[in-house]
PDB file of N, CA and C in Angstrom:
ATOM      1  N   MET A   1     -58.876 -67.351 -24.196  1.00  0.00           N
ATOM      2  CA  MET A   1     -59.429 -66.806 -22.976  1.00  0.00           C
ATOM      3  C   MET A   1     -58.400 -65.881 -22.362  1.00  0.00           C
ATOM      4  N   SER A   2     -58.842 -64.727 -21.902  1.00  0.00           N
ATOM      5  CA  SER A   2     -57.935 -63.853 -21.236  1.00  0.00           C
ATOM      6  C   SER A   2     -58.062 -64.081 -19.721  1.00  0.00           C
ATOM      7  N   ARG A   3     -57.088 -63.572 -18.954  1.00  0.00           N
ATOM      8  CA  ARG A   3     -57.131 -63.764 -17.515  1.00  0.00           C
ATOM      9  C   ARG A   3     -56.829 -62.450 -16.842  1.00  0.00           C
ATOM     10  N   SER A   4     -57.352 -62.374 -15.607  1.00  0.00           N
ATOM     11  CA  SER A   4     -57.134 -61.161 -14.827  1.00  0.00           C
ATOM     12  C   SER A   4     -56.648 -61.628 -13.443  1.00  0.00           C
ATOM     13  N   VAL A   5     -55.619 -60.924 -12.889  1.00  0.00           N
ATOM     14  CA  VAL A   5     -55.197 -61.253 -11.575  1.00  0.00           C
ATOM     15  C   VAL A   5     -55.714 -60.165 -10.606  1.00  0.00           C
ATOM     16  N   ALA A   6     -56.552 -60.536  -9.653  1.00  0.00           N
ATOM     17  CA  ALA A   6     -57.077 -59.626  -8.696  1.00  0.00           C
ATOM     18  C   ALA A   6     -56.931 -60.228  -7.310  1.00  0.00           C
ATOM     19  N   SER A   7     -56.209 -59.491  -6.482  1.00  0.00           N
ATOM     20  CA  SER A   7     -56.017 -59.971  -5.065  1.00  0.00           C
ATOM     21  C   SER A   7     -55.439 -61.364  -5.001  1.00  0.00           C
ATOM     22  N   ASP A   8     -54.442 -61.596  -5.805  1.00  0.00           N
ATOM     23  CA  ASP A   8     -53.769 -62.897  -5.846  1.00  0.00           C
ATOM     24  C   ASP A   8     -54.638 -64.040  -6.304  1.00  0.00           C
ATOM     25  N   VAL A   9     -55.756 -63.761  -6.920  1.00  0.00           N
ATOM     26  CA  VAL A   9     -56.672 -64.840  -7.363  1.00  0.00           C
ATOM     27  C   VAL A   9     -56.809 -64.654  -8.888  1.00  0.00           C
ATOM     28  N   VAL A  10     -56.500 -65.717  -9.614  1.00  0.00           N
ATOM     29  CA  VAL A  10     -56.639 -65.673 -11.071  1.00  0.00           C
ATOM     30  C   VAL A  10     -58.094 -65.980 -11.434  1.00  0.00           C
ATOM     31  N   VAL A  11     -58.684 -65.052 -12.140  1.00  0.00           N
ATOM     32  CA  VAL A  11     -60.088 -65.179 -12.538  1.00  0.00           C
ATOM     33  C   VAL A  11     -60.186 -65.318 -14.051  1.00  0.00           C
ATOM     34  N   PRO A  12     -60.689 -66.400 -14.566  1.00  0.00           N
ATOM     35  CA  PRO A  12     -60.815 -66.511 -16.042  1.00  0.00           C
ATOM     36  C   PRO A  12     -61.931 -65.586 -16.535  1.00  0.00           C
ATOM     37  N   LEU A  13     -61.709 -64.899 -17.671  1.00  0.00           N
ATOM     38  CA  LEU A  13     -62.649 -63.981 -18.210  1.00  0.00           C
ATOM     39  C   LEU A  13     -63.134 -64.494 -19.561  1.00  0.00           C
ATOM     40  N   SER A  14     -64.380 -64.229 -19.899  1.00  0.00           N
ATOM     41  CA  SER A  14     -64.877 -64.579 -21.195  1.00  0.00           C
ATOM     42  C   SER A  14     -64.210 -63.682 -22.181  1.00  0.00           C
ATOM     43  N   ALA A  15     -64.173 -64.114 -23.465  1.00  0.00           N
ATOM     44  CA  ALA A  15     -63.550 -63.331 -24.512  1.00  0.00           C
ATOM     45  C   ALA A  15     -64.230 -62.032 -24.778  1.00  0.00           C
ATOM     46  N   ASP A  16     -65.534 -61.970 -24.551  1.00  0.00           N
ATOM     47  CA  ASP A  16     -66.254 -60.730 -24.876  1.00  0.00           C
ATOM     48  C   ASP A  16     -67.287 -60.471 -23.742  1.00  0.00           C
ATOM     49  N   LEU A  17     -66.931 -59.657 -22.775  1.00  0.00           N
ATOM     50  CA  LEU A  17     -67.783 -59.332 -21.624  1.00  0.00           C
ATOM     51  C   LEU A  17     -69.002 -58.577 -22.047  1.00  0.00           C
ATOM     52  N   GLY A  18     -68.961 -57.831 -23.152  1.00  0.00           N
ATOM     53  CA  GLY A  18     -70.077 -57.031 -23.616  1.00  0.00           C
ATOM     54  C   GLY A  18     -71.061 -57.765 -24.491  1.00  0.00           C
ATOM     55  N   ALA A  19     -70.823 -58.997 -24.846  1.00  0.00           N
ATOM     56  CA  ALA A  19     -71.670 -59.707 -25.814  1.00  0.00           C
ATOM     57  C   ALA A  19     -72.992 -60.126 -25.230  1.00  0.00           C
ATOM     58  N   VAL A  20     -73.117 -60.209 -23.923  1.00  0.00           N
ATOM     59  CA  VAL A  20     -74.314 -60.674 -23.284  1.00  0.00           C
ATOM     60  C   VAL A  20     -75.517 -59.773 -23.638  1.00  0.00           C
ATOM     61  N   ARG A  21     -75.415 -58.506 -23.410  1.00  0.00           N
ATOM     62  CA  ARG A  21     -76.427 -57.573 -23.771  1.00  0.00           C
ATOM     63  C   ARG A  21     -75.783 -56.274 -24.197  1.00  0.00           C
ATOM     64  N   CYS A  22     -76.123 -55.802 -25.373  1.00  0.00           N
ATOM     65  CA  CYS A  22     -75.501 -54.586 -25.853  1.00  0.00           C
ATOM     66  C   CYS A  22     -76.601 -53.757 -26.532  1.00  0.00           C
ATOM     67  N   GLY A  23     -76.821 -52.583 -26.001  1.00  0.00           N
ATOM     68  CA  GLY A  23     -77.824 -51.700 -26.571  1.00  0.00           C
ATOM     69  C   GLY A  23     -77.225 -50.569 -27.418  1.00  0.00           C
ATOM     70  N   CYS A  24     -75.984 -50.778 -27.848  1.00  0.00           N
ATOM     71  CA  CYS A  24     -75.350 -49.789 -28.690  1.00  0.00           C
ATOM     72  C   CYS A  24     -75.982 -49.716 -30.086  1.00  0.00           C
ATOM     73  N   PRO A  25     -75.843 -48.603 -30.729  1.00  0.00           N
ATOM     74  CA  PRO A  25     -76.347 -48.556 -32.099  1.00  0.00           C
ATOM     75  C   PRO A  25     -75.542 -49.543 -32.964  1.00  0.00           C
ATOM     76  N   ALA A  26     -76.197 -50.165 -33.884  1.00  0.00           N
ATOM     77  CA  ALA A  26     -75.643 -51.205 -34.716  1.00  0.00           C
ATOM     78  C   ALA A  26     -74.346 -50.648 -35.482  1.00  0.00           C
ATOM     79  N   THR A  27     -74.314 -49.376 -35.793  1.00  0.00           N
ATOM     80  CA  THR A  27     -73.199 -48.846 -36.530  1.00  0.00           C
ATOM     81  C   THR A  27     -71.915 -48.778 -35.703  1.00  0.00           C
ATOM     82  N   LEU A  28     -72.077 -48.714 -34.385  1.00  0.00           N
ATOM     83  CA  LEU A  28     -70.860 -48.643 -33.552  1.00  0.00           C
ATOM     84  C   LEU A  28     -70.557 -49.964 -32.864  1.00  0.00           C
ATOM     85  N   ARG A  29     -71.446 -50.903 -32.854  1.00  0.00           N
ATOM     86  CA  ARG A  29     -71.207 -52.194 -32.219  1.00  0.00           C
ATOM     87  C   ARG A  29     -70.018 -52.872 -32.927  1.00  0.00           C
ATOM     88  N   GLY A  30     -69.032 -53.246 -32.210  1.00  0.00           N
ATOM     89  CA  GLY A  30     -67.813 -53.872 -32.795  1.00  0.00           C
ATOM     90  C   GLY A  30     -66.866 -52.915 -33.347  1.00  0.00           C
ATOM     91  N   SER A  31     -67.155 -51.600 -33.281  1.00  0.00           N
ATOM     92  CA  SER A  31     -66.130 -50.631 -33.763  1.00  0.00           C
ATOM     93  C   SER A  31     -64.927 -50.610 -32.794  1.00  0.00           C
ATOM     94  N   ALA A  32     -63.883 -50.014 -33.276  1.00  0.00           N
ATOM     95  CA  ALA A  32     -62.684 -49.958 -32.457  1.00  0.00           C
ATOM     96  C   ALA A  32     -62.951 -49.177 -31.171  1.00  0.00           C
ATOM     97  N   HIS A  33     -63.713 -48.088 -31.259  1.00  0.00           N
ATOM     98  CA  HIS A  33     -63.977 -47.294 -30.049  1.00  0.00           C
ATOM     99  C   HIS A  33     -64.918 -48.094 -29.087  1.00  0.00           C
ATOM    100  N   HIS A  34     -65.881 -48.706 -29.563  1.00  0.00           N
ATOM    101  CA  HIS A  34     -66.762 -49.545 -28.778  1.00  0.00           C
ATOM    102  C   HIS A  34     -65.897 -50.566 -28.019  1.00  0.00           C
ATOM    103  N   ASP A  35     -65.066 -51.255 -28.711  1.00  0.00           N
ATOM    104  CA  ASP A  35     -64.282 -52.295 -28.077  1.00  0.00           C
ATOM    105  C   ASP A  35     -63.265 -51.719 -27.104  1.00  0.00           C
ATOM    106  N   ARG A  36     -62.737 -50.478 -27.398  1.00  0.00           N
ATOM    107  CA  ARG A  36     -61.839 -49.820 -26.460  1.00  0.00           C
ATOM    108  C   ARG A  36     -62.558 -49.464 -25.206  1.00  0.00           C
ATOM    109  N   LEU A  37     -63.830 -48.967 -25.315  1.00  0.00           N
ATOM    110  CA  LEU A  37     -64.584 -48.642 -24.157  1.00  0.00           C
ATOM    111  C   LEU A  37     -64.773 -49.899 -23.237  1.00  0.00           C
ATOM    112  N   LEU A  38     -65.015 -51.008 -23.918  1.00  0.00           N
ATOM    113  CA  LEU A  38     -65.250 -52.253 -23.159  1.00  0.00           C
ATOM    114  C   LEU A  38     -63.926 -52.673 -22.367  1.00  0.00           C
ATOM    115  N   ALA A  39     -62.790 -52.202 -22.817  1.00  0.00           N
ATOM    116  CA  ALA A  39     -61.519 -52.568 -22.180  1.00  0.00           C
ATOM    117  C   ALA A  39     -61.224 -51.767 -20.922  1.00  0.00           C
ATOM    118  N   VAL A  40     -62.005 -50.680 -20.598  1.00  0.00           N
ATOM    119  CA  VAL A  40     -61.672 -49.877 -19.475  1.00  0.00           C
ATOM    120  C   VAL A  40     -61.541 -50.594 -18.147  1.00  0.00           C
ATOM    121  N   GLU A  41     -62.196 -51.692 -18.055  1.00  0.00           N
ATOM    122  CA  GLU A  41     -62.135 -52.437 -16.755  1.00  0.00           C
ATOM    123  C   GLU A  41     -60.854 -53.182 -16.582  1.00  0.00           C
ATOM    124  N   SER A  42     -60.146 -53.507 -17.670  1.00  0.00           N
ATOM    125  CA  SER A  42     -58.975 -54.340 -17.574  1.00  0.00           C
ATOM    126  C   SER A  42     -57.711 -53.693 -18.101  1.00  0.00           C
ATOM    127  N   ASP A  43     -57.798 -52.503 -18.771  1.00  0.00           N
ATOM    128  CA  ASP A  43     -56.675 -51.924 -19.393  1.00  0.00           C
ATOM    129  C   ASP A  43     -56.577 -50.423 -18.980  1.00  0.00           C
ATOM    130  N   PRO A  44     -55.557 -50.123 -18.183  1.00  0.00           N
ATOM    131  CA  PRO A  44     -55.421 -48.718 -17.723  1.00  0.00           C
ATOM    132  C   PRO A  44     -55.220 -47.722 -18.925  1.00  0.00           C
ATOM    133  N   ASP A  45     -54.683 -48.160 -20.031  1.00  0.00           N
ATOM    134  CA  ASP A  45     -54.537 -47.302 -21.143  1.00  0.00           C
ATOM    135  C   ASP A  45     -55.925 -46.934 -21.806  1.00  0.00           C
ATOM    136  N   ALA A  46     -56.849 -47.889 -21.681  1.00  0.00           N
ATOM    137  CA  ALA A  46     -58.186 -47.595 -22.220  1.00  0.00           C
ATOM    138  C   ALA A  46     -58.844 -46.534 -21.345  1.00  0.00           C
ATOM    139  N   VAL A  47     -58.589 -46.574 -20.039  1.00  0.00           N
ATOM    140  CA  VAL A  47     -59.132 -45.520 -19.135  1.00  0.00           C
ATOM    141  C   VAL A  47     -58.513 -44.175 -19.521  1.00  0.00           C
ATOM    142  N   LEU A  48     -57.184 -44.214 -19.742  1.00  0.00           N
ATOM    143  CA  LEU A  48     -56.559 -42.918 -20.155  1.00  0.00           C
ATOM    144  C   LEU A  48     -57.141 -42.415 -21.481  1.00  0.00           C
ATOM    145  N   ASP A  49     -57.346 -43.294 -22.424  1.00  0.00           N
ATOM    146  CA  ASP A  49     -58.003 -42.908 -23.719  1.00  0.00           C
ATOM    147  C   ASP A  49     -59.345 -42.262 -23.489  1.00  0.00           C
ATOM    148  N   LEU A  50     -60.173 -42.861 -22.633  1.00  0.00           N
ATOM    149  CA  LEU A  50     -61.485 -42.348 -22.369  1.00  0.00           C
ATOM    150  C   LEU A  50     -61.378 -40.948 -21.755  1.00  0.00           C
ATOM    151  N   LEU A  51     -60.512 -40.763 -20.780  1.00  0.00           N
ATOM    152  CA  LEU A  51     -60.367 -39.481 -20.180  1.00  0.00           C
ATOM    153  C   LEU A  51     -59.774 -38.440 -21.083  1.00  0.00           C
ATOM    154  N   GLU A  52     -58.886 -38.877 -21.996  1.00  0.00           N
ATOM    155  CA  GLU A  52     -58.345 -37.900 -22.920  1.00  0.00           C
ATOM    156  C   GLU A  52     -59.472 -37.396 -23.877  1.00  0.00           C
ATOM    157  N   ILE A  53     -60.329 -38.295 -24.346  1.00  0.00           N
ATOM    158  CA  ILE A  53     -61.444 -37.871 -25.181  1.00  0.00           C
ATOM    159  C   ILE A  53     -62.380 -36.962 -24.370  1.00  0.00           C
ATOM    160  N   ALA A  54     -62.648 -37.332 -23.108  1.00  0.00           N
ATOM    161  CA  ALA A  54     -63.526 -36.486 -22.318  1.00  0.00           C
ATOM    162  C   ALA A  54     -62.949 -35.063 -22.156  1.00  0.00           C
ATOM    163  N   VAL A  55     -61.711 -34.913 -21.891  1.00  0.00           N
ATOM    164  CA  VAL A  55     -61.038 -33.655 -21.631  1.00  0.00           C
ATOM    165  C   VAL A  55     -61.020 -32.803 -22.924  1.00  0.00           C
ATOM    166  N   THR A  56     -60.848 -33.440 -24.092  1.00  0.00           N
ATOM    167  CA  THR A  56     -60.739 -32.745 -25.348  1.00  0.00           C
ATOM    168  C   THR A  56     -62.000 -32.619 -26.138  1.00  0.00           C
ATOM    169  N   TRP A  57     -63.108 -33.207 -25.615  1.00  0.00           N
ATOM    170  CA  TRP A  57     -64.372 -33.276 -26.366  1.00  0.00           C
ATOM    171  C   TRP A  57     -64.835 -31.896 -26.869  1.00  0.00           C
ATOM    172  N   GLY A  58     -64.807 -30.888 -26.045  1.00  0.00           N
ATOM    173  CA  GLY A  58     -65.199 -29.574 -26.419  1.00  0.00           C
ATOM    174  C   GLY A  58     -64.206 -28.824 -27.266  1.00  0.00           C
ATOM    175  N   GLU A  59     -62.988 -29.292 -27.368  1.00  0.00           N
ATOM    176  CA  GLU A  59     -61.953 -28.587 -28.069  1.00  0.00           C
ATOM    177  C   GLU A  59     -61.632 -29.133 -29.452  1.00  0.00           C
ATOM    178  N   LEU A  60     -61.824 -30.431 -29.647  1.00  0.00           N
ATOM    179  CA  LEU A  60     -61.482 -31.046 -30.904  1.00  0.00           C
ATOM    180  C   LEU A  60     -62.761 -31.511 -31.659  1.00  0.00           C
ATOM    181  N   ASP A  61     -62.647 -31.590 -32.925  1.00  0.00           N
ATOM    182  CA  ASP A  61     -63.789 -32.046 -33.774  1.00  0.00           C
ATOM    183  C   ASP A  61     -63.782 -33.557 -33.960  1.00  0.00           C
ATOM    184  N   TYR A  62     -64.729 -34.254 -33.266  1.00  0.00           N
ATOM    185  CA  TYR A  62     -64.786 -35.696 -33.380  1.00  0.00           C
ATOM    186  C   TYR A  62     -65.898 -36.106 -34.347  1.00  0.00           C
ATOM    187  N   SER A  63     -66.441 -35.157 -35.116  1.00  0.00           N
ATOM    188  CA  SER A  63     -67.556 -35.476 -35.983  1.00  0.00           C
ATOM    189  C   SER A  63     -67.192 -36.474 -37.066  1.00  0.00           C
ATOM    190  N   GLY A  64     -65.993 -36.488 -37.513  1.00  0.00           N
ATOM    191  CA  GLY A  64     -65.585 -37.431 -38.533  1.00  0.00           C
ATOM    192  C   GLY A  64     -65.093 -38.781 -38.000  1.00  0.00           C
ATOM    193  N   ALA A  65     -65.000 -38.916 -36.702  1.00  0.00           N
ATOM    194  CA  ALA A  65     -64.524 -40.104 -36.057  1.00  0.00           C
ATOM    195  C   ALA A  65     -65.699 -41.007 -35.635  1.00  0.00           C
ATOM    196  N   GLU A  66     -65.542 -42.297 -35.717  1.00  0.00           N
ATOM    197  CA  GLU A  66     -66.546 -43.176 -35.261  1.00  0.00           C
ATOM    198  C   GLU A  66     -66.335 -43.520 -33.771  1.00  0.00           C
ATOM    199  N   VAL A  67     -66.922 -42.633 -32.978  1.00  0.00           N
ATOM    200  CA  VAL A  67     -66.772 -42.730 -31.532  1.00  0.00           C
ATOM    201  C   VAL A  67     -68.201 -42.716 -30.865  1.00  0.00           C
ATOM    202  N   VAL A  68     -68.271 -43.373 -29.706  1.00  0.00           N
ATOM    203  CA  VAL A  68     -69.535 -43.279 -28.884  1.00  0.00           C
ATOM    204  C   VAL A  68     -69.409 -41.895 -28.236  1.00  0.00           C
ATOM    205  N   PRO A  69     -70.373 -41.038 -28.442  1.00  0.00           N
ATOM    206  CA  PRO A  69     -70.305 -39.703 -27.856  1.00  0.00           C
ATOM    207  C   PRO A  69     -70.567 -39.681 -26.349  1.00  0.00           C
ATOM    208  N   PRO A  70     -70.051 -38.692 -25.606  1.00  0.00           N
ATOM    209  CA  PRO A  70     -70.162 -38.655 -24.174  1.00  0.00           C
ATOM    210  C   PRO A  70     -71.589 -38.689 -23.669  1.00  0.00           C
ATOM    211  N   GLU A  71     -72.558 -38.157 -24.437  1.00  0.00           N
ATOM    212  CA  GLU A  71     -73.958 -38.197 -23.975  1.00  0.00           C
ATOM    213  C   GLU A  71     -74.513 -39.635 -23.993  1.00  0.00           C
ATOM    214  N   SER A  72     -73.739 -40.567 -24.554  1.00  0.00           N
ATOM    215  CA  SER A  72     -74.156 -41.975 -24.594  1.00  0.00           C
ATOM    216  C   SER A  72     -73.327 -42.851 -23.693  1.00  0.00           C
ATOM    217  N   TRP A  73     -72.385 -42.295 -22.965  1.00  0.00           N
ATOM    218  CA  TRP A  73     -71.461 -43.121 -22.127  1.00  0.00           C
ATOM    219  C   TRP A  73     -72.155 -43.762 -20.947  1.00  0.00           C
ATOM    220  N   LEU A  74     -73.125 -43.124 -20.350  1.00  0.00           N
ATOM    221  CA  LEU A  74     -73.829 -43.730 -19.209  1.00  0.00           C
ATOM    222  C   LEU A  74     -74.707 -44.868 -19.682  1.00  0.00           C
ATOM    223  N   ASP A  75     -75.365 -44.667 -20.821  1.00  0.00           N
ATOM    224  CA  ASP A  75     -76.154 -45.792 -21.379  1.00  0.00           C
ATOM    225  C   ASP A  75     -75.239 -46.914 -21.812  1.00  0.00           C
ATOM    226  N   PHE A  76     -74.108 -46.588 -22.409  1.00  0.00           N
ATOM    227  CA  PHE A  76     -73.083 -47.582 -22.781  1.00  0.00           C
ATOM    228  C   PHE A  76     -72.721 -48.431 -21.514  1.00  0.00           C
ATOM    229  N   ALA A  77     -72.421 -47.775 -20.449  1.00  0.00           N
ATOM    230  CA  ALA A  77     -72.003 -48.442 -19.194  1.00  0.00           C
ATOM    231  C   ALA A  77     -73.143 -49.368 -18.688  1.00  0.00           C
ATOM    232  N   SER A  78     -74.373 -48.898 -18.741  1.00  0.00           N
ATOM    233  CA  SER A  78     -75.494 -49.693 -18.209  1.00  0.00           C
ATOM    234  C   SER A  78     -75.947 -50.788 -19.215  1.00  0.00           C
ATOM    235  N   ASP A  79     -75.581 -50.715 -20.487  1.00  0.00           N
ATOM    236  CA  ASP A  79     -75.946 -51.682 -21.461  1.00  0.00           C
ATOM    237  C   ASP A  79     -74.971 -52.841 -21.569  1.00  0.00           C
ATOM    238  N   HIS A  80     -73.891 -52.838 -20.814  1.00  0.00           N
ATOM    239  CA  HIS A  80     -72.862 -53.868 -20.874  1.00  0.00           C
ATOM    240  C   HIS A  80     -72.671 -54.534 -19.497  1.00  0.00           C
ATOM    241  N   VAL A  81     -72.125 -55.706 -19.582  1.00  0.00           N
ATOM    242  CA  VAL A  81     -71.831 -56.467 -18.369  1.00  0.00           C
ATOM    243  C   VAL A  81     -70.428 -56.228 -17.916  1.00  0.00           C
ATOM    244  N   TRP A  82     -70.265 -55.888 -16.657  1.00  0.00           N
ATOM    245  CA  TRP A  82     -68.981 -55.538 -16.105  1.00  0.00           C
ATOM    246  C   TRP A  82     -68.717 -56.425 -14.885  1.00  0.00           C
ATOM    247  N   ARG A  83     -67.455 -56.713 -14.558  1.00  0.00           N
ATOM    248  CA  ARG A  83     -67.110 -57.410 -13.324  1.00  0.00           C
ATOM    249  C   ARG A  83     -67.466 -56.542 -12.140  1.00  0.00           C
ATOM    250  N   CYS A  84     -67.233 -55.261 -12.222  1.00  0.00           N
ATOM    251  CA  CYS A  84     -67.529 -54.342 -11.113  1.00  0.00           C
ATOM    252  C   CYS A  84     -68.433 -53.193 -11.713  1.00  0.00           C
ATOM    253  N   PRO A  85     -69.721 -53.462 -11.798  1.00  0.00           N
ATOM    254  CA  PRO A  85     -70.618 -52.488 -12.436  1.00  0.00           C
ATOM    255  C   PRO A  85     -70.581 -51.053 -11.810  1.00  0.00           C
ATOM    256  N   ASP A  86     -70.471 -51.022 -10.476  1.00  0.00           N
ATOM    257  CA  ASP A  86     -70.460 -49.687  -9.826  1.00  0.00           C
ATOM    258  C   ASP A  86     -69.246 -48.888 -10.291  1.00  0.00           C
ATOM    259  N   ARG A  87     -68.081 -49.557 -10.329  1.00  0.00           N
ATOM    260  CA  ARG A  87     -66.861 -48.812 -10.711  1.00  0.00           C
ATOM    261  C   ARG A  87     -66.935 -48.356 -12.191  1.00  0.00           C
ATOM    262  N   ALA A  88     -67.464 -49.245 -13.055  1.00  0.00           N
ATOM    263  CA  ALA A  88     -67.605 -48.857 -14.469  1.00  0.00           C
ATOM    264  C   ALA A  88     -68.560 -47.680 -14.645  1.00  0.00           C
ATOM    265  N   LEU A  89     -69.643 -47.713 -13.904  1.00  0.00           N
ATOM    266  CA  LEU A  89     -70.627 -46.598 -14.009  1.00  0.00           C
ATOM    267  C   LEU A  89     -69.984 -45.321 -13.484  1.00  0.00           C
ATOM    268  N   ARG A  90     -69.255 -45.394 -12.410  1.00  0.00           N
ATOM    269  CA  ARG A  90     -68.575 -44.215 -11.843  1.00  0.00           C
ATOM    270  C   ARG A  90     -67.594 -43.628 -12.859  1.00  0.00           C
ATOM    271  N   LEU A  91     -66.849 -44.523 -13.549  1.00  0.00           N
ATOM    272  CA  LEU A  91     -65.843 -44.046 -14.532  1.00  0.00           C
ATOM    273  C   LEU A  91     -66.498 -43.350 -15.686  1.00  0.00           C
ATOM    274  N   PHE A  92     -67.564 -43.998 -16.233  1.00  0.00           N
ATOM    275  CA  PHE A  92     -68.230 -43.359 -17.376  1.00  0.00           C
ATOM    276  C   PHE A  92     -68.984 -42.113 -16.990  1.00  0.00           C
ATOM    277  N   ALA A  93     -69.523 -42.054 -15.764  1.00  0.00           N
ATOM    278  CA  ALA A  93     -70.191 -40.845 -15.298  1.00  0.00           C
ATOM    279  C   ALA A  93     -69.215 -39.701 -15.119  1.00  0.00           C
ATOM    280  N   LEU A  94     -68.053 -39.983 -14.578  1.00  0.00           N
ATOM    281  CA  LEU A  94     -67.033 -38.991 -14.391  1.00  0.00           C
ATOM    282  C   LEU A  94     -66.530 -38.476 -15.784  1.00  0.00           C
ATOM    283  N   ALA A  95     -66.284 -39.375 -16.679  1.00  0.00           N
ATOM    284  CA  ALA A  95     -65.792 -38.973 -18.021  1.00  0.00           C
ATOM    285  C   ALA A  95     -66.871 -38.150 -18.718  1.00  0.00           C
ATOM    286  N   ALA A  96     -68.149 -38.620 -18.666  1.00  0.00           N
ATOM    287  CA  ALA A  96     -69.219 -37.810 -19.307  1.00  0.00           C
ATOM    288  C   ALA A  96     -69.354 -36.432 -18.719  1.00  0.00           C
ATOM    289  N   ASP A  97     -69.205 -36.368 -17.395  1.00  0.00           N
ATOM    290  CA  ASP A  97     -69.348 -35.031 -16.710  1.00  0.00           C
ATOM    291  C   ASP A  97     -68.260 -34.121 -17.176  1.00  0.00           C
ATOM    292  N   VAL A  98     -67.042 -34.643 -17.273  1.00  0.00           N
ATOM    293  CA  VAL A  98     -65.942 -33.785 -17.748  1.00  0.00           C
ATOM    294  C   VAL A  98     -66.170 -33.362 -19.211  1.00  0.00           C
ATOM    295  N   ALA A  99     -66.551 -34.270 -20.069  1.00  0.00           N
ATOM    296  CA  ALA A  99     -66.716 -33.950 -21.479  1.00  0.00           C
ATOM    297  C   ALA A  99     -67.916 -32.975 -21.698  1.00  0.00           C
ATOM    298  N   LEU A 100     -68.944 -33.097 -20.942  1.00  0.00           N
ATOM    299  CA  LEU A 100     -70.181 -32.287 -21.226  1.00  0.00           C
ATOM    300  C   LEU A 100     -70.241 -30.997 -20.516  1.00  0.00           C
ATOM    301  N   ARG A 101     -69.242 -30.694 -19.667  1.00  0.00           N
ATOM    302  CA  ARG A 101     -69.232 -29.372 -19.032  1.00  0.00           C
ATOM    303  C   ARG A 101     -68.932 -28.312 -20.048  1.00  0.00           C
ATOM    304  N   GLY A 102     -69.644 -27.203 -19.922  1.00  0.00           N
ATOM    305  CA  GLY A 102     -69.408 -26.093 -20.819  1.00  0.00           C
ATOM    306  C   GLY A 102     -68.071 -25.444 -20.574  1.00  0.00           C
ATOM    307  N   ALA A 103     -67.649 -24.685 -21.556  1.00  0.00           N
ATOM    308  CA  ALA A 103     -66.395 -23.951 -21.391  1.00  0.00           C
ATOM    309  C   ALA A 103     -66.560 -23.035 -20.203  1.00  0.00           C
ATOM    310  N   PRO A 104     -65.538 -22.762 -19.420  1.00  0.00           N
ATOM    311  CA  PRO A 104     -65.654 -21.898 -18.322  1.00  0.00           C
ATOM    312  C   PRO A 104     -65.932 -20.477 -18.792  1.00  0.00           C
ATOM    313  N   ALA A 105     -66.769 -19.730 -18.030  1.00  0.00           N
ATOM    314  CA  ALA A 105     -67.073 -18.365 -18.391  1.00  0.00           C
ATOM    315  C   ALA A 105     -65.751 -17.530 -18.279  1.00  0.00           C
ATOM    316  N   PRO A 106     -65.624 -16.585 -19.187  1.00  0.00           N
ATOM    317  CA  PRO A 106     -64.388 -15.731 -19.099  1.00  0.00           C
ATOM    318  C   PRO A 106     -64.384 -14.947 -17.793  1.00  0.00           C
ATOM    319  N   LEU A 107     -63.232 -14.706 -17.256  1.00  0.00           N
ATOM    320  CA  LEU A 107     -63.103 -13.879 -16.082  1.00  0.00           C
ATOM    321  C   LEU A 107     -63.348 -12.465 -16.405  1.00  0.00           C
ATOM    322  N   ARG A 108     -64.101 -11.789 -15.538  1.00  0.00           N
ATOM    323  CA  ARG A 108     -64.370 -10.369 -15.674  1.00  0.00           C
ATOM    324  C   ARG A 108     -63.679  -9.618 -14.583  1.00  0.00           C
ATOM    325  N   CYS A 109     -63.071  -8.627 -14.970  1.00  0.00           N
ATOM    326  CA  CYS A 109     -62.391  -7.735 -13.975  1.00  0.00           C
ATOM    327  C   CYS A 109     -63.397  -6.682 -13.557  1.00  0.00           C
ATOM    328  N   VAL A 110     -63.761  -6.649 -12.318  1.00  0.00           N
ATOM    329  CA  VAL A 110     -64.652  -5.630 -11.791  1.00  0.00           C
ATOM    330  C   VAL A 110     -63.856  -4.706 -10.906  1.00  0.00           C
ATOM    331  N   LEU A 111     -63.856  -3.478 -11.293  1.00  0.00           N
ATOM    332  CA  LEU A 111     -63.152  -2.426 -10.508  1.00  0.00           C
ATOM    333  C   LEU A 111     -64.066  -1.453  -9.903  1.00  0.00           C
TER     334      LEU A 111
END
């Protein structure tokens, strides 16, 4: 059993918070990226990993990697059980927004 300390109160956590209901595709369920996404609520490094993927999504080729794509992050957030569902949804919505934004239009010089 893992533990979390929040506001000086120790709260026992179940070993797998996402096991209650998971709507992820079977091919990604239990993958390293799936499990890393589940860790965003308790591991700051997992949050940084998510944001790094979001920022680089349009620049790097993730087609060969087994990752949950940004267009599925909101569904991922709503398909899992979180201690703070609003915060998890905000995080995944922000990351998806960053990842799915198009490249900025080139600046045009108008004289």
